[in-house]
């Protein structure tokens, strides 16, 4: 998972997080900032808390 900041008009990588193998779906809880990542390879759901 790579976090990209687009606010300046030029994409800049701001973070890189290890995650599930072959992540193909990402959801964000807008109230908490928590990420939900699913991977097709292992059939798992990973939760990533902000910070």
PDB file of N, CA and C in Angstrom:
ATOM      1  N   UNK A   1       0.849  -1.129   0.000  1.00  0.00           N
ATOM      2  CA  UNK A   1       0.000   0.000   0.000  1.00  0.00           C
ATOM      3  C   UNK A   1       0.911   1.213   0.000  1.00  0.00           C
ATOM      4  N   UNK A   2       0.651   2.139  -0.930  1.00  0.00           N
ATOM      5  CA  UNK A   2       1.437   3.371  -1.028  1.00  0.00           C
ATOM      6  C   UNK A   2       0.495   4.548  -0.883  1.00  0.00           C
ATOM      7  N   UNK A   3       0.867   5.474   0.005  1.00  0.00           N
ATOM      8  CA  UNK A   3       0.097   6.704   0.175  1.00  0.00           C
ATOM      9  C   UNK A   3       0.685   7.792  -0.697  1.00  0.00           C
ATOM     10  N   UNK A   4      -0.152   8.422  -1.509  1.00  0.00           N
ATOM     11  CA  UNK A   4       0.285   9.468  -2.432  1.00  0.00           C
ATOM     12  C   UNK A   4      -0.428  10.771  -2.081  1.00  0.00           C
ATOM     13  N   UNK A   5       0.334  11.860  -1.968  1.00  0.00           N
ATOM     14  CA  UNK A   5      -0.221  13.193  -1.727  1.00  0.00           C
ATOM     15  C   UNK A   5      -0.339  13.894  -3.075  1.00  0.00           C
ATOM     16  N   UNK A   6      -1.564  14.288  -3.428  1.00  0.00           N
ATOM     17  CA  UNK A   6      -1.814  14.958  -4.703  1.00  0.00           C
ATOM     18  C   UNK A   6      -2.100  16.444  -4.530  1.00  0.00           C
ATOM     19  N   UNK A   7      -1.991  16.951  -3.304  1.00  0.00           N
ATOM     20  CA  UNK A   7      -2.409  18.323  -3.023  1.00  0.00           C
ATOM     21  C   UNK A   7      -1.567  19.392  -3.708  1.00  0.00           C
ATOM     22  N   UNK A   8      -0.321  19.089  -4.048  1.00  0.00           N
ATOM     23  CA  UNK A   8       0.535  20.102  -4.675  1.00  0.00           C
ATOM     24  C   UNK A   8       0.429  20.100  -6.196  1.00  0.00           C
ATOM     25  N   UNK A   9      -0.300  19.149  -6.737  1.00  0.00           N
ATOM     26  CA  UNK A   9      -0.395  19.033  -8.193  1.00  0.00           C
ATOM     27  C   UNK A   9       0.612  18.048  -8.765  1.00  0.00           C
ATOM     28  N   UNK A  10       1.672  17.758  -8.002  1.00  0.00           N
ATOM     29  CA  UNK A  10       2.662  16.772  -8.403  1.00  0.00           C
ATOM     30  C   UNK A  10       2.584  15.612  -7.419  1.00  0.00           C
ATOM     31  N   UNK A  11       2.285  14.397  -7.897  1.00  0.00           N
ATOM     32  CA  UNK A  11       2.176  13.262  -6.980  1.00  0.00           C
ATOM     33  C   UNK A  11       3.470  13.047  -6.198  1.00  0.00           C
ATOM     34  N   UNK A  12       3.330  12.856  -4.874  1.00  0.00           N
ATOM     35  CA  UNK A  12       4.484  12.604  -4.017  1.00  0.00           C
ATOM     36  C   UNK A  12       4.152  11.466  -3.057  1.00  0.00           C
ATOM     37  N   UNK A  13       5.024  10.473  -3.003  1.00  0.00           N
ATOM     38  CA  UNK A  13       4.824   9.358  -2.077  1.00  0.00           C
ATOM     39  C   UNK A  13       5.056   9.850  -0.650  1.00  0.00           C
ATOM     40  N   UNK A  14       4.088   9.579   0.244  1.00  0.00           N
ATOM     41  CA  UNK A  14       4.216  10.019   1.629  1.00  0.00           C
ATOM     42  C   UNK A  14       4.329   8.852   2.609  1.00  0.00           C
ATOM     43  N   UNK A  15       3.915   7.673   2.203  1.00  0.00           N
ATOM     44  CA  UNK A  15       4.046   6.505   3.076  1.00  0.00           C
ATOM     45  C   UNK A  15       4.000   5.228   2.258  1.00  0.00           C
ATOM     46  N   UNK A  16       4.548   4.188   2.830  1.00  0.00           N
ATOM     47  CA  UNK A  16       4.513   2.856   2.212  1.00  0.00           C
ATOM     48  C   UNK A  16       4.284   1.858   3.331  1.00  0.00           C
ATOM     49  N   UNK A  17       3.218   1.061   3.224  1.00  0.00           N
ATOM     50  CA  UNK A  17       2.843   0.117   4.276  1.00  0.00           C
ATOM     51  C   UNK A  17       2.812  -1.301   3.732  1.00  0.00           C
ATOM     52  N   UNK A  18       3.368  -2.246   4.476  1.00  0.00           N
ATOM     53  CA  UNK A  18       3.218  -3.646   4.065  1.00  0.00           C
ATOM     54  C   UNK A  18       1.766  -4.053   4.258  1.00  0.00           C
ATOM     55  N   UNK A  19       1.276  -4.907   3.399  1.00  0.00           N
ATOM     56  CA  UNK A  19      -0.126  -5.321   3.496  1.00  0.00           C
ATOM     57  C   UNK A  19      -0.299  -6.732   2.952  1.00  0.00           C
ATOM     58  N   UNK A  20      -1.528  -7.128   2.804  1.00  0.00           N
ATOM     59  CA  UNK A  20      -1.841  -8.475   2.326  1.00  0.00           C
ATOM     60  C   UNK A  20      -1.278  -8.697   0.930  1.00  0.00           C
ATOM     61  N   UNK A  21      -1.105  -9.954   0.602  1.00  0.00           N
ATOM     62  CA  UNK A  21      -0.606 -10.305  -0.730  1.00  0.00           C
ATOM     63  C   UNK A  21      -1.705 -10.038  -1.762  1.00  0.00           C
ATOM     64  N   UNK A  22      -1.345  -9.465  -2.867  1.00  0.00           N
ATOM     65  CA  UNK A  22      -2.258  -9.117  -3.964  1.00  0.00           C
ATOM     66  C   UNK A  22      -3.474  -8.314  -3.486  1.00  0.00           C
ATOM     67  N   UNK A  23      -3.243  -7.145  -2.867  1.00  0.00           N
ATOM     68  CA  UNK A  23      -4.386  -6.333  -2.443  1.00  0.00           C
ATOM     69  C   UNK A  23      -5.151  -5.843  -3.664  1.00  0.00           C
ATOM     70  N   UNK A  24      -6.476  -5.991  -3.656  1.00  0.00           N
ATOM     71  CA  UNK A  24      -7.208  -5.518  -4.832  1.00  0.00           C
ATOM     72  C   UNK A  24      -8.378  -4.619  -4.475  1.00  0.00           C
ATOM     73  N   UNK A  25      -8.731  -4.524  -3.187  1.00  0.00           N
ATOM     74  CA  UNK A  25      -9.819  -3.637  -2.788  1.00  0.00           C
ATOM     75  C   UNK A  25      -9.423  -2.901  -1.513  1.00  0.00           C
ATOM     76  N   UNK A  26      -9.627  -1.589  -1.518  1.00  0.00           N
ATOM     77  CA  UNK A  26      -9.322  -0.773  -0.346  1.00  0.00           C
ATOM     78  C   UNK A  26     -10.543   0.080  -0.029  1.00  0.00           C
ATOM     79  N   UNK A  27     -10.926   0.090   1.233  1.00  0.00           N
ATOM     80  CA  UNK A  27     -12.007   0.946   1.700  1.00  0.00           C
ATOM     81  C   UNK A  27     -11.486   1.826   2.821  1.00  0.00           C
ATOM     82  N   UNK A  28     -12.098   2.991   3.000  1.00  0.00           N
ATOM     83  CA  UNK A  28     -11.681   3.925   4.041  1.00  0.00           C
ATOM     84  C   UNK A  28     -12.891   4.312   4.872  1.00  0.00           C
ATOM     85  N   UNK A  29     -12.758   4.217   6.187  1.00  0.00           N
ATOM     86  CA  UNK A  29     -13.784   4.721   7.102  1.00  0.00           C
ATOM     87  C   UNK A  29     -13.487   6.212   7.288  1.00  0.00           C
ATOM     88  N   UNK A  30     -14.313   7.064   6.724  1.00  0.00           N
ATOM     89  CA  UNK A  30     -14.036   8.506   6.752  1.00  0.00           C
ATOM     90  C   UNK A  30     -14.112   9.095   8.160  1.00  0.00           C
ATOM     91  N   UNK A  31     -14.806   8.439   9.067  1.00  0.00           N
ATOM     92  CA  UNK A  31     -14.906   8.943  10.440  1.00  0.00           C
ATOM     93  C   UNK A  31     -13.636   8.668  11.247  1.00  0.00           C
ATOM     94  N   UNK A  32     -12.979   7.532  10.972  1.00  0.00           N
ATOM     95  CA  UNK A  32     -11.805   7.147  11.766  1.00  0.00           C
ATOM     96  C   UNK A  32     -10.497   7.182  10.983  1.00  0.00           C
ATOM     97  N   UNK A  33     -10.578   7.144   9.651  1.00  0.00           N
ATOM     98  CA  UNK A  33      -9.377   7.068   8.833  1.00  0.00           C
ATOM     99  C   UNK A  33      -8.849   5.652   8.680  1.00  0.00           C
ATOM    100  N   UNK A  34      -9.523   4.688   9.258  1.00  0.00           N
ATOM    101  CA  UNK A  34      -9.098   3.288   9.181  1.00  0.00           C
ATOM    102  C   UNK A  34      -9.238   2.772   7.753  1.00  0.00           C
ATOM    103  N   UNK A  35      -8.234   2.015   7.308  1.00  0.00           N
ATOM    104  CA  UNK A  35      -8.257   1.389   5.985  1.00  0.00           C
ATOM    105  C   UNK A  35      -8.660  -0.070   6.122  1.00  0.00           C
ATOM    106  N   UNK A  36      -9.425  -0.539   5.158  1.00  0.00           N
ATOM    107  CA  UNK A  36      -9.815  -1.943   5.055  1.00  0.00           C
ATOM    108  C   UNK A  36      -9.248  -2.446   3.735  1.00  0.00           C
ATOM    109  N   UNK A  37      -8.385  -3.450   3.797  1.00  0.00           N
ATOM    110  CA  UNK A  37      -7.714  -3.956   2.598  1.00  0.00           C
ATOM    111  C   UNK A  37      -8.014  -5.440   2.458  1.00  0.00           C
ATOM    112  N   UNK A  38      -8.494  -5.842   1.292  1.00  0.00           N
ATOM    113  CA  UNK A  38      -8.713  -7.264   1.021  1.00  0.00           C
ATOM    114  C   UNK A  38      -7.736  -7.736  -0.037  1.00  0.00           C
ATOM    115  N   UNK A  39      -7.330  -8.991   0.088  1.00  0.00           N
ATOM    116  CA  UNK A  39      -6.426  -9.576  -0.877  1.00  0.00           C
ATOM    117  C   UNK A  39      -7.041 -10.808  -1.506  1.00  0.00           C
ATOM    118  N   UNK A  40      -6.847 -10.967  -2.792  1.00  0.00           N
ATOM    119  CA  UNK A  40      -7.411 -12.123  -3.485  1.00  0.00           C
ATOM    120  C   UNK A  40      -6.588 -13.384  -3.268  1.00  0.00           C
ATOM    121  N   UNK A  41      -5.310 -13.240  -2.989  1.00  0.00           N
ATOM    122  CA  UNK A  41      -4.446 -14.413  -2.879  1.00  0.00           C
ATOM    123  C   UNK A  41      -4.767 -15.260  -1.651  1.00  0.00           C
ATOM    124  N   UNK A  42      -5.004 -14.626  -0.509  1.00  0.00           N
ATOM    125  CA  UNK A  42      -5.189 -15.379   0.730  1.00  0.00           C
ATOM    126  C   UNK A  42      -6.598 -15.278   1.294  1.00  0.00           C
ATOM    127  N   UNK A  43      -7.454 -14.463   0.690  1.00  0.00           N
ATOM    128  CA  UNK A  43      -8.818 -14.300   1.167  1.00  0.00           C
ATOM    129  C   UNK A  43      -8.906 -13.693   2.549  1.00  0.00           C
ATOM    130  N   UNK A  44      -8.071 -12.704   2.836  1.00  0.00           N
ATOM    131  CA  UNK A  44      -8.055 -12.091   4.165  1.00  0.00           C
ATOM    132  C   UNK A  44      -8.465 -10.623   4.092  1.00  0.00           C
ATOM    133  N   UNK A  45      -8.853 -10.099   5.247  1.00  0.00           N
ATOM    134  CA  UNK A  45      -9.170  -8.687   5.406  1.00  0.00           C
ATOM    135  C   UNK A  45      -8.190  -8.119   6.411  1.00  0.00           C
ATOM    136  N   UNK A  46      -7.519  -7.037   6.038  1.00  0.00           N
ATOM    137  CA  UNK A  46      -6.573  -6.385   6.942  1.00  0.00           C
ATOM    138  C   UNK A  46      -7.114  -5.015   7.304  1.00  0.00           C
ATOM    139  N   UNK A  47      -7.020  -4.652   8.581  1.00  0.00           N
ATOM    140  CA  UNK A  47      -7.418  -3.338   9.063  1.00  0.00           C
ATOM    141  C   UNK A  47      -6.160  -2.558   9.405  1.00  0.00           C
ATOM    142  N   UNK A  48      -6.059  -1.329   8.889  1.00  0.00           N
ATOM    143  CA  UNK A  48      -4.905  -0.480   9.156  1.00  0.00           C
ATOM    144  C   UNK A  48      -5.410   0.811   9.785  1.00  0.00           C
ATOM    145  N   UNK A  49      -4.987   1.042  11.030  1.00  0.00           N
ATOM    146  CA  UNK A  49      -5.383   2.256  11.730  1.00  0.00           C
ATOM    147  C   UNK A  49      -4.443   3.402  11.370  1.00  0.00           C
ATOM    148  N   UNK A  50      -4.959   4.642  11.319  1.00  0.00           N
ATOM    149  CA  UNK A  50      -4.107   5.785  10.983  1.00  0.00           C
ATOM    150  C   UNK A  50      -3.058   6.025  12.071  1.00  0.00           C
ATOM    151  N   UNK A  51      -1.960   6.641  11.632  1.00  0.00           N
ATOM    152  CA  UNK A  51      -0.924   7.016  12.598  1.00  0.00           C
ATOM    153  C   UNK A  51       0.080   5.999  12.706  1.00  0.00           C
TER     154      UNK A  51
END
